[in-house]
Amino acid sequence: MKKLSFVVAAGLMSLAACTNNTPAENSAENVAESLDNAADNLEASADNATNESTEAALENAADNMHSAADNVQEAVDNGAVAANASNAM
């Protein structure tokens, strides 16, 4: 039983080691998360808007911000951020 626990622990540790991000990837993920949070705030503001045109403008801004966050996250997922960081050196 102890051997099985050791093997499982070693497997989990090696899996965790595979997910190390570069500082550029971490920064990009933080930017994407910040954009999503800002978009959520815009959506909340749209819900509290007093007229339809203001609500529509805030919802459009929130949609655009969510799209920007998705684009940043896709760049991280596709390795573009790490590649650009290594090319800058």
C-alpha atoms as a PDB file:
ATOM      1  CA  MET A   1       0.000   0.000   0.000  1.00  0.00           C
ATOM      2  CA  LYS A   2       2.856   2.368   0.770  1.00  0.00           C
ATOM      3  CA  LYS A   3       4.357   1.703  -2.659  1.00  0.00           C
ATOM      4  CA  LEU A   4       1.073   2.568  -4.340  1.00  0.00           C
ATOM      5  CA  SER A   5       0.850   5.823  -2.398  1.00  0.00           C
ATOM      6  CA  PHE A   6       4.412   6.686  -3.369  1.00  0.00           C
ATOM      7  CA  VAL A   7       3.745   5.964  -7.052  1.00  0.00           C
ATOM      8  CA  VAL A   8       0.573   8.055  -7.024  1.00  0.00           C
ATOM      9  CA  ALA A   9       2.346  10.920  -5.272  1.00  0.00           C
ATOM     10  CA  ALA A  10       5.247  10.780  -7.726  1.00  0.00           C
ATOM     11  CA  GLY A  11       2.825  10.781 -10.655  1.00  0.00           C
ATOM     12  CA  LEU A  12       0.972  13.801  -9.318  1.00  0.00           C
ATOM     13  CA  MET A  13       4.220  15.669  -8.713  1.00  0.00           C
ATOM     14  CA  SER A  14       5.414  15.016 -12.242  1.00  0.00           C
ATOM     15  CA  LEU A  15       2.060  16.132 -13.614  1.00  0.00           C
ATOM     16  CA  ALA A  16       2.260  19.340 -11.604  1.00  0.00           C
ATOM     17  CA  ALA A  17       5.746  19.994 -12.963  1.00  0.00           C
ATOM     18  CA  CYS A  18       4.398  19.937 -16.520  1.00  0.00           C
ATOM     19  CA  THR A  19       2.138  22.909 -15.908  1.00  0.00           C
ATOM     20  CA  ASN A  20       4.800  25.464 -14.982  1.00  0.00           C
ATOM     21  CA  ASN A  21       4.174  28.712 -16.796  1.00  0.00           C
ATOM     22  CA  THR A  22       6.691  31.304 -17.787  1.00  0.00           C
ATOM     23  CA  PRO A  23       6.417  34.751 -16.212  1.00  0.00           C
ATOM     24  CA  ALA A  24       5.098  36.065 -19.543  1.00  0.00           C
ATOM     25  CA  GLU A  25       2.368  33.423 -19.587  1.00  0.00           C
ATOM     26  CA  ASN A  26       1.439  34.213 -15.986  1.00  0.00           C
ATOM     27  CA  SER A  27       1.231  37.916 -16.808  1.00  0.00           C
ATOM     28  CA  ALA A  28      -0.897  37.278 -19.872  1.00  0.00           C
ATOM     29  CA  GLU A  29      -3.251  35.074 -17.879  1.00  0.00           C
ATOM     30  CA  ASN A  30      -3.529  37.818 -15.251  1.00  0.00           C
ATOM     31  CA  VAL A  31      -4.371  40.326 -17.992  1.00  0.00           C
ATOM     32  CA  ALA A  32      -7.066  38.009 -19.359  1.00  0.00           C
ATOM     33  CA  GLU A  33      -8.527  37.563 -15.890  1.00  0.00           C
ATOM     34  CA  SER A  34      -8.502  41.331 -15.281  1.00  0.00           C
ATOM     35  CA  LEU A  35     -10.262  41.937 -18.596  1.00  0.00           C
ATOM     36  CA  ASP A  36     -12.927  39.382 -17.687  1.00  0.00           C
ATOM     37  CA  ASN A  37     -13.423  41.006 -14.288  1.00  0.00           C
ATOM     38  CA  ALA A  38     -13.770  44.439 -15.875  1.00  0.00           C
ATOM     39  CA  ALA A  39     -16.272  43.026 -18.365  1.00  0.00           C
ATOM     40  CA  ASP A  40     -18.278  41.533 -15.514  1.00  0.00           C
ATOM     41  CA  ASN A  41     -18.340  44.956 -13.851  1.00  0.00           C
ATOM     42  CA  LEU A  42     -19.583  46.538 -17.081  1.00  0.00           C
ATOM     43  CA  GLU A  43     -22.340  43.935 -17.283  1.00  0.00           C
ATOM     44  CA  ALA A  44     -23.366  44.730 -13.727  1.00  0.00           C
ATOM     45  CA  SER A  45     -23.430  48.417 -14.606  1.00  0.00           C
ATOM     46  CA  ALA A  46     -25.568  47.636 -17.647  1.00  0.00           C
ATOM     47  CA  ASP A  47     -28.033  45.848 -15.405  1.00  0.00           C
ATOM     48  CA  ASN A  48     -28.301  49.017 -13.310  1.00  0.00           C
ATOM     49  CA  ALA A  49     -28.521  51.418 -16.256  1.00  0.00           C
ATOM     50  CA  THR A  50     -31.418  53.826 -16.271  1.00  0.00           C
ATOM     51  CA  ASN A  51     -32.049  53.790 -20.019  1.00  0.00           C
ATOM     52  CA  GLU A  52     -31.782  51.324 -22.862  1.00  0.00           C
ATOM     53  CA  SER A  53     -29.094  53.100 -24.868  1.00  0.00           C
ATOM     54  CA  THR A  54     -26.736  53.232 -21.907  1.00  0.00           C
ATOM     55  CA  GLU A  55     -27.461  49.597 -21.142  1.00  0.00           C
ATOM     56  CA  ALA A  56     -26.746  48.580 -24.749  1.00  0.00           C
ATOM     57  CA  ALA A  57     -23.490  50.562 -24.818  1.00  0.00           C
ATOM     58  CA  LEU A  58     -22.285  48.964 -21.595  1.00  0.00           C
ATOM     59  CA  GLU A  59     -23.227  45.483 -22.797  1.00  0.00           C
ATOM     60  CA  ASN A  60     -21.343  46.055 -26.067  1.00  0.00           C
ATOM     61  CA  ALA A  61     -18.300  47.233 -24.148  1.00  0.00           C
ATOM     62  CA  ALA A  62     -18.519  44.166 -21.907  1.00  0.00           C
ATOM     63  CA  ASP A  63     -18.775  41.865 -24.936  1.00  0.00           C
ATOM     64  CA  ASN A  64     -15.723  43.507 -26.499  1.00  0.00           C
ATOM     65  CA  MET A  65     -13.774  43.150 -23.276  1.00  0.00           C
ATOM     66  CA  HIS A  66     -14.709  39.470 -22.975  1.00  0.00           C
ATOM     67  CA  SER A  67     -13.513  38.966 -26.555  1.00  0.00           C
ATOM     68  CA  ALA A  68     -10.219  40.659 -25.755  1.00  0.00           C
ATOM     69  CA  ALA A  69      -9.785  38.400 -22.727  1.00  0.00           C
ATOM     70  CA  ASP A  70     -10.513  35.356 -24.891  1.00  0.00           C
ATOM     71  CA  ASN A  71      -7.904  36.503 -27.418  1.00  0.00           C
ATOM     72  CA  VAL A  72      -5.265  36.896 -24.721  1.00  0.00           C
ATOM     73  CA  GLN A  73      -6.092  33.485 -23.282  1.00  0.00           C
ATOM     74  CA  GLU A  74      -5.933  31.875 -26.727  1.00  0.00           C
ATOM     75  CA  ALA A  75      -2.493  33.411 -27.245  1.00  0.00           C
ATOM     76  CA  VAL A  76      -1.347  31.825 -23.986  1.00  0.00           C
ATOM     77  CA  ASP A  77      -2.908  28.478 -24.866  1.00  0.00           C
ATOM     78  CA  ASN A  78      -1.323  28.473 -28.315  1.00  0.00           C
ATOM     79  CA  GLY A  79       2.099  29.340 -26.961  1.00  0.00           C
ATOM     80  CA  ALA A  80       2.266  32.699 -28.732  1.00  0.00           C
ATOM     81  CA  VAL A  81       3.050  34.525 -25.500  1.00  0.00           C
ATOM     82  CA  ALA A  82       5.979  32.257 -24.623  1.00  0.00           C
ATOM     83  CA  ALA A  83       7.264  32.403 -28.207  1.00  0.00           C
ATOM     84  CA  ASN A  84       7.105  36.178 -28.282  1.00  0.00           C
ATOM     85  CA  ALA A  85       8.878  36.394 -24.940  1.00  0.00           C
ATOM     86  CA  SER A  86      11.731  34.188 -26.123  1.00  0.00           C
ATOM     87  CA  ASN A  87      12.051  36.149 -29.388  1.00  0.00           C
ATOM     88  CA  ALA A  88      12.406  39.385 -27.441  1.00  0.00           C
ATOM     89  CA  MET A  89      15.609  38.182 -25.776  1.00  0.00           C
END
